[in-house]
Amino acid sequence: MLIDIRSLTRQAGTSIELDLEIGPEAFGLLREDLSLESPVAFTGQLMHTDHGILILTGTMKAKLAGICARCLQPVPLMIETSLNETFEPEDQKTGSDEEQPSEAYGHTGLALEIDQVLRDNLIPLLPVRLICRDDCAGLCPVCGVDRNVNPCDCLSGGKGKPSPFDALKQLL
């Protein structure tokens, strides 16, 4: 999403209030097992400090949905985080090799692109493995039943249902 910064860059100390909704298409495919359920909401402020440096502060909220890694049931996920990012003019970002590279984002022209900033702040907050609840029993590896709904005794030495892979055992 582009933000017009012409009025902002005329004078240091000026700011604009932001209340944005960025569609899922701006984020692309985050992961195969997670998807954005609604636009990502950002509320905050963009401030021009000095020498073309812009500071973006605010709160980002995202509603996602995924599949539990254990029982394969749908799992809703709500992420809310604070942002505090700096944008420097591209001509000020290039320094000598001896200087440490700036961690600030760059900006050029009269518009500021913030999609990458929001994406960079959202991705580290995603769980590595999505689980519906801490005590999720998952699926039975023998009969495939969801053990949260119907406990089975396949792994406890009971007879249980025949496995579809029993025929393969006979071949070995």
C-alpha atoms as a PDB file:
ATOM      1  CA  MET A   1       0.000   0.000   0.000  1.00  0.00           C
ATOM      2  CA  LEU A   2       1.351   3.395  -0.971  1.00  0.00           C
ATOM      3  CA  ILE A   3       1.122   6.349   1.385  1.00  0.00           C
ATOM      4  CA  ASP A   4       1.406   9.854  -0.070  1.00  0.00           C
ATOM      5  CA  ILE A   5       4.192  11.622   1.866  1.00  0.00           C
ATOM      6  CA  ARG A   6       4.377  14.914  -0.084  1.00  0.00           C
ATOM      7  CA  SER A   7       2.730  16.973   2.661  1.00  0.00           C
ATOM      8  CA  LEU A   8       4.729  15.159   5.330  1.00  0.00           C
ATOM      9  CA  THR A   9       8.216  15.781   3.936  1.00  0.00           C
ATOM     10  CA  ARG A  10       7.847  19.551   3.571  1.00  0.00           C
ATOM     11  CA  GLN A  11       8.582  20.264   7.219  1.00  0.00           C
ATOM     12  CA  ALA A  12      10.249  18.334  10.037  1.00  0.00           C
ATOM     13  CA  GLY A  13       8.028  17.502  12.987  1.00  0.00           C
ATOM     14  CA  THR A  14       4.888  16.934  10.938  1.00  0.00           C
ATOM     15  CA  SER A  15       2.935  13.702  11.090  1.00  0.00           C
ATOM     16  CA  ILE A  16      -0.073  11.983   9.602  1.00  0.00           C
ATOM     17  CA  GLU A  17      -2.471   9.574  11.283  1.00  0.00           C
ATOM     18  CA  LEU A  18      -2.983   6.219   9.580  1.00  0.00           C
ATOM     19  CA  ASP A  19      -5.925   3.858   9.781  1.00  0.00           C
ATOM     20  CA  LEU A  20      -5.399   1.271   7.058  1.00  0.00           C
ATOM     21  CA  GLU A  21      -6.628  -2.135   5.979  1.00  0.00           C
ATOM     22  CA  ILE A  22      -4.280  -4.066   3.729  1.00  0.00           C
ATOM     23  CA  GLY A  23      -5.726  -6.993   1.800  1.00  0.00           C
ATOM     24  CA  PRO A  24      -4.327 -10.525   1.986  1.00  0.00           C
ATOM     25  CA  GLU A  25      -3.025 -10.277  -1.589  1.00  0.00           C
ATOM     26  CA  ALA A  26      -0.371  -7.776  -0.430  1.00  0.00           C
ATOM     27  CA  PHE A  27       1.126 -10.445   1.822  1.00  0.00           C
ATOM     28  CA  GLY A  28       1.109 -13.260  -0.681  1.00  0.00           C
ATOM     29  CA  LEU A  29       1.201 -16.821   0.607  1.00  0.00           C
ATOM     30  CA  LEU A  30       2.562 -16.635   4.141  1.00  0.00           C
ATOM     31  CA  ARG A  31       2.721 -20.407   4.560  1.00  0.00           C
ATOM     32  CA  GLU A  32       0.867 -23.372   3.126  1.00  0.00           C
ATOM     33  CA  ASP A  33      -0.802 -24.153   6.451  1.00  0.00           C
ATOM     34  CA  LEU A  34      -1.832 -20.551   7.313  1.00  0.00           C
ATOM     35  CA  SER A  35      -3.980 -18.012   5.518  1.00  0.00           C
ATOM     36  CA  LEU A  36      -5.167 -14.497   6.257  1.00  0.00           C
ATOM     37  CA  GLU A  37      -8.889 -14.498   7.013  1.00  0.00           C
ATOM     38  CA  SER A  38      -9.415 -10.751   6.718  1.00  0.00           C
ATOM     39  CA  PRO A  39      -7.454  -7.648   5.777  1.00  0.00           C
ATOM     40  CA  VAL A  40      -4.560  -6.755   8.075  1.00  0.00           C
ATOM     41  CA  ALA A  41      -5.468  -3.664  10.091  1.00  0.00           C
ATOM     42  CA  PHE A  42      -2.876  -1.012  10.904  1.00  0.00           C
ATOM     43  CA  THR A  43      -3.535   2.015  13.091  1.00  0.00           C
ATOM     44  CA  GLY A  44      -0.746   4.431  13.836  1.00  0.00           C
ATOM     45  CA  GLN A  45       1.236   7.473  12.879  1.00  0.00           C
ATOM     46  CA  LEU A  46       3.882   8.360  10.310  1.00  0.00           C
ATOM     47  CA  MET A  47       6.142  11.191  11.465  1.00  0.00           C
ATOM     48  CA  HIS A  48       8.825  13.167   9.635  1.00  0.00           C
ATOM     49  CA  THR A  49      11.688  13.766  12.071  1.00  0.00           C
ATOM     50  CA  ASP A  50      14.585  15.395  10.235  1.00  0.00           C
ATOM     51  CA  HIS A  51      16.709  14.978   7.091  1.00  0.00           C
ATOM     52  CA  GLY A  52      13.946  13.003   5.370  1.00  0.00           C
ATOM     53  CA  ILE A  53      13.812  10.330   8.084  1.00  0.00           C
ATOM     54  CA  LEU A  54      10.318   8.975   8.686  1.00  0.00           C
ATOM     55  CA  ILE A  55       9.171   7.032  11.758  1.00  0.00           C
ATOM     56  CA  LEU A  56       6.220   4.627  11.499  1.00  0.00           C
ATOM     57  CA  THR A  57       4.621   3.673  14.830  1.00  0.00           C
ATOM     58  CA  GLY A  58       1.380   1.901  15.549  1.00  0.00           C
ATOM     59  CA  THR A  59      -0.414  -1.382  16.017  1.00  0.00           C
ATOM     60  CA  MET A  60      -0.985  -4.129  13.487  1.00  0.00           C
ATOM     61  CA  LYS A  61      -3.730  -6.751  13.852  1.00  0.00           C
ATOM     62  CA  ALA A  62      -4.103  -9.850  11.711  1.00  0.00           C
ATOM     63  CA  LYS A  63      -6.690 -12.632  11.791  1.00  0.00           C
ATOM     64  CA  LEU A  64      -5.386 -15.911  10.418  1.00  0.00           C
ATOM     65  CA  ALA A  65      -6.658 -19.456  10.087  1.00  0.00           C
ATOM     66  CA  GLY A  66      -4.735 -22.674   9.871  1.00  0.00           C
ATOM     67  CA  ILE A  67      -4.845 -26.399  10.470  1.00  0.00           C
ATOM     68  CA  CYS A  68      -3.711 -28.074  13.691  1.00  0.00           C
ATOM     69  CA  ALA A  69      -0.542 -30.075  13.079  1.00  0.00           C
ATOM     70  CA  ARG A  70      -1.783 -32.876  15.350  1.00  0.00           C
ATOM     71  CA  CYS A  71      -5.518 -33.349  14.702  1.00  0.00           C
ATOM     72  CA  LEU A  72      -6.005 -31.483  11.383  1.00  0.00           C
ATOM     73  CA  GLN A  73      -8.866 -29.367  12.769  1.00  0.00           C
ATOM     74  CA  PRO A  74      -9.238 -25.667  11.782  1.00  0.00           C
ATOM     75  CA  VAL A  75      -7.525 -23.245  14.176  1.00  0.00           C
ATOM     76  CA  PRO A  76      -8.204 -19.477  14.335  1.00  0.00           C
ATOM     77  CA  LEU A  77      -5.235 -17.274  15.218  1.00  0.00           C
ATOM     78  CA  MET A  78      -5.231 -13.578  16.135  1.00  0.00           C
ATOM     79  CA  ILE A  79      -1.959 -11.645  16.072  1.00  0.00           C
ATOM     80  CA  GLU A  80      -1.535  -8.129  17.427  1.00  0.00           C
ATOM     81  CA  THR A  81       1.817  -6.353  17.577  1.00  0.00           C
ATOM     82  CA  SER A  82       3.302  -2.895  17.951  1.00  0.00           C
ATOM     83  CA  LEU A  83       5.437  -1.424  15.207  1.00  0.00           C
ATOM     84  CA  ASN A  84       8.220   1.117  15.394  1.00  0.00           C
ATOM     85  CA  GLU A  85      10.078   1.315  12.073  1.00  0.00           C
ATOM     86  CA  THR A  86      12.369   3.892  10.510  1.00  0.00           C
ATOM     87  CA  PHE A  87      12.551   4.925   6.846  1.00  0.00           C
ATOM     88  CA  GLU A  88      15.587   6.778   5.489  1.00  0.00           C
ATOM     89  CA  PRO A  89      15.929   8.353   2.066  1.00  0.00           C
ATOM     90  CA  GLU A  90      17.670   5.889  -0.264  1.00  0.00           C
ATOM     91  CA  ASP A  91      20.487   8.365  -1.013  1.00  0.00           C
ATOM     92  CA  GLN A  92      21.351   8.519   2.733  1.00  0.00           C
ATOM     93  CA  LYS A  93      21.291   4.738   3.213  1.00  0.00           C
ATOM     94  CA  THR A  94      24.289   4.009   0.985  1.00  0.00           C
ATOM     95  CA  GLY A  95      27.470   4.304   3.006  1.00  0.00           C
ATOM     96  CA  SER A  96      31.003   3.008   2.832  1.00  0.00           C
ATOM     97  CA  ASP A  97      31.855  -0.647   3.423  1.00  0.00           C
ATOM     98  CA  GLU A  98      33.349   0.263   6.815  1.00  0.00           C
ATOM     99  CA  GLU A  99      29.997   1.508   8.154  1.00  0.00           C
ATOM    100  CA  GLN A 100      27.439  -0.864   9.563  1.00  0.00           C
ATOM    101  CA  PRO A 101      24.492  -1.232   7.184  1.00  0.00           C
ATOM    102  CA  SER A 102      21.422   0.636   8.348  1.00  0.00           C
ATOM    103  CA  GLU A 103      18.498  -1.447   9.583  1.00  0.00           C
ATOM    104  CA  ALA A 104      16.093   1.255   8.441  1.00  0.00           C
ATOM    105  CA  TYR A 105      13.904   0.787   5.396  1.00  0.00           C
ATOM    106  CA  GLY A 106      14.526   3.026   2.428  1.00  0.00           C
ATOM    107  CA  HIS A 107      12.154   5.391   0.685  1.00  0.00           C
ATOM    108  CA  THR A 108      12.289   7.398  -2.506  1.00  0.00           C
ATOM    109  CA  GLY A 109       9.941   9.746  -4.231  1.00  0.00           C
ATOM    110  CA  LEU A 110       6.676  11.051  -2.946  1.00  0.00           C
ATOM    111  CA  ALA A 111       5.086   7.814  -1.755  1.00  0.00           C
ATOM    112  CA  LEU A 112       5.977   5.289   0.918  1.00  0.00           C
ATOM    113  CA  GLU A 113       5.374   1.557   0.459  1.00  0.00           C
ATOM    114  CA  ILE A 114       4.604  -0.146   3.797  1.00  0.00           C
ATOM    115  CA  ASP A 115       3.522  -3.653   2.705  1.00  0.00           C
ATOM    116  CA  GLN A 116       7.014  -5.097   3.223  1.00  0.00           C
ATOM    117  CA  VAL A 117       7.274  -3.518   6.691  1.00  0.00           C
ATOM    118  CA  LEU A 118       4.007  -5.103   7.778  1.00  0.00           C
ATOM    119  CA  ARG A 119       5.011  -8.453   6.294  1.00  0.00           C
ATOM    120  CA  ASP A 120       8.422  -8.317   8.015  1.00  0.00           C
ATOM    121  CA  ASN A 121       6.706  -7.701  11.360  1.00  0.00           C
ATOM    122  CA  LEU A 122       4.023 -10.357  10.890  1.00  0.00           C
ATOM    123  CA  ILE A 123       6.073 -13.353   9.735  1.00  0.00           C
ATOM    124  CA  PRO A 124       8.277 -13.720  12.859  1.00  0.00           C
ATOM    125  CA  LEU A 125       5.128 -13.861  15.008  1.00  0.00           C
ATOM    126  CA  LEU A 126       3.683 -16.869  13.186  1.00  0.00           C
ATOM    127  CA  PRO A 127       3.914 -20.120  15.139  1.00  0.00           C
ATOM    128  CA  VAL A 128       6.376 -22.661  13.789  1.00  0.00           C
ATOM    129  CA  ARG A 129       3.848 -25.416  14.359  1.00  0.00           C
ATOM    130  CA  LEU A 130       0.182 -24.554  14.811  1.00  0.00           C
ATOM    131  CA  ILE A 131      -1.525 -26.575  17.562  1.00  0.00           C
ATOM    132  CA  CYS A 132      -5.213 -26.149  18.446  1.00  0.00           C
ATOM    133  CA  ARG A 133      -4.547 -26.563  22.181  1.00  0.00           C
ATOM    134  CA  ASP A 134      -1.667 -27.728  24.375  1.00  0.00           C
ATOM    135  CA  ASP A 135      -3.299 -31.029  25.298  1.00  0.00           C
ATOM    136  CA  CYS A 136      -4.325 -31.979  21.739  1.00  0.00           C
ATOM    137  CA  ALA A 137      -4.075 -35.774  21.448  1.00  0.00           C
ATOM    138  CA  GLY A 138      -3.914 -35.707  17.646  1.00  0.00           C
ATOM    139  CA  LEU A 139      -4.814 -38.496  15.254  1.00  0.00           C
ATOM    140  CA  CYS A 140      -4.205 -42.162  15.980  1.00  0.00           C
ATOM    141  CA  PRO A 141      -1.391 -43.338  13.699  1.00  0.00           C
ATOM    142  CA  VAL A 142      -3.011 -46.793  13.436  1.00  0.00           C
ATOM    143  CA  CYS A 143      -6.712 -46.177  12.792  1.00  0.00           C
ATOM    144  CA  GLY A 144      -6.694 -42.420  12.030  1.00  0.00           C
ATOM    145  CA  VAL A 145      -9.405 -41.433  14.510  1.00  0.00           C
ATOM    146  CA  ASP A 146      -9.238 -38.002  16.146  1.00  0.00           C
ATOM    147  CA  ARG A 147      -8.262 -38.970  19.700  1.00  0.00           C
ATOM    148  CA  ASN A 148      -9.684 -35.688  21.061  1.00  0.00           C
ATOM    149  CA  VAL A 149     -13.171 -36.836  20.022  1.00  0.00           C
ATOM    150  CA  ASN A 150     -13.013 -40.653  20.185  1.00  0.00           C
ATOM    151  CA  PRO A 151     -10.248 -42.231  22.230  1.00  0.00           C
ATOM    152  CA  CYS A 152      -8.989 -45.510  20.843  1.00  0.00           C
ATOM    153  CA  ASP A 153      -6.861 -48.281  22.295  1.00  0.00           C
ATOM    154  CA  CYS A 154      -4.750 -49.011  19.213  1.00  0.00           C
ATOM    155  CA  LEU A 155      -1.483 -47.908  20.815  1.00  0.00           C
ATOM    156  CA  SER A 156      -2.241 -49.301  24.271  1.00  0.00           C
ATOM    157  CA  GLY A 157      -2.003 -52.920  23.131  1.00  0.00           C
ATOM    158  CA  GLY A 158      -5.715 -53.346  22.461  1.00  0.00           C
ATOM    159  CA  LYS A 159      -6.933 -54.958  19.269  1.00  0.00           C
ATOM    160  CA  GLY A 160      -8.411 -51.797  17.738  1.00  0.00           C
ATOM    161  CA  LYS A 161      -9.432 -51.503  14.119  1.00  0.00           C
ATOM    162  CA  PRO A 162      -7.372 -53.199  11.438  1.00  0.00           C
ATOM    163  CA  SER A 163      -4.862 -50.899   9.837  1.00  0.00           C
ATOM    164  CA  PRO A 164      -5.057 -50.307   6.087  1.00  0.00           C
ATOM    165  CA  PHE A 165      -1.309 -51.061   6.069  1.00  0.00           C
ATOM    166  CA  ASP A 166      -1.706 -54.582   7.471  1.00  0.00           C
ATOM    167  CA  ALA A 167      -1.660 -55.962   3.922  1.00  0.00           C
ATOM    168  CA  LEU A 168       1.785 -54.421   3.403  1.00  0.00           C
ATOM    169  CA  LYS A 169       3.107 -56.145   6.516  1.00  0.00           C
ATOM    170  CA  GLN A 170       2.110 -59.474   4.991  1.00  0.00           C
ATOM    171  CA  LEU A 171       4.248 -58.749   1.910  1.00  0.00           C
ATOM    172  CA  LEU A 172       7.394 -58.190   3.974  1.00  0.00           C
END
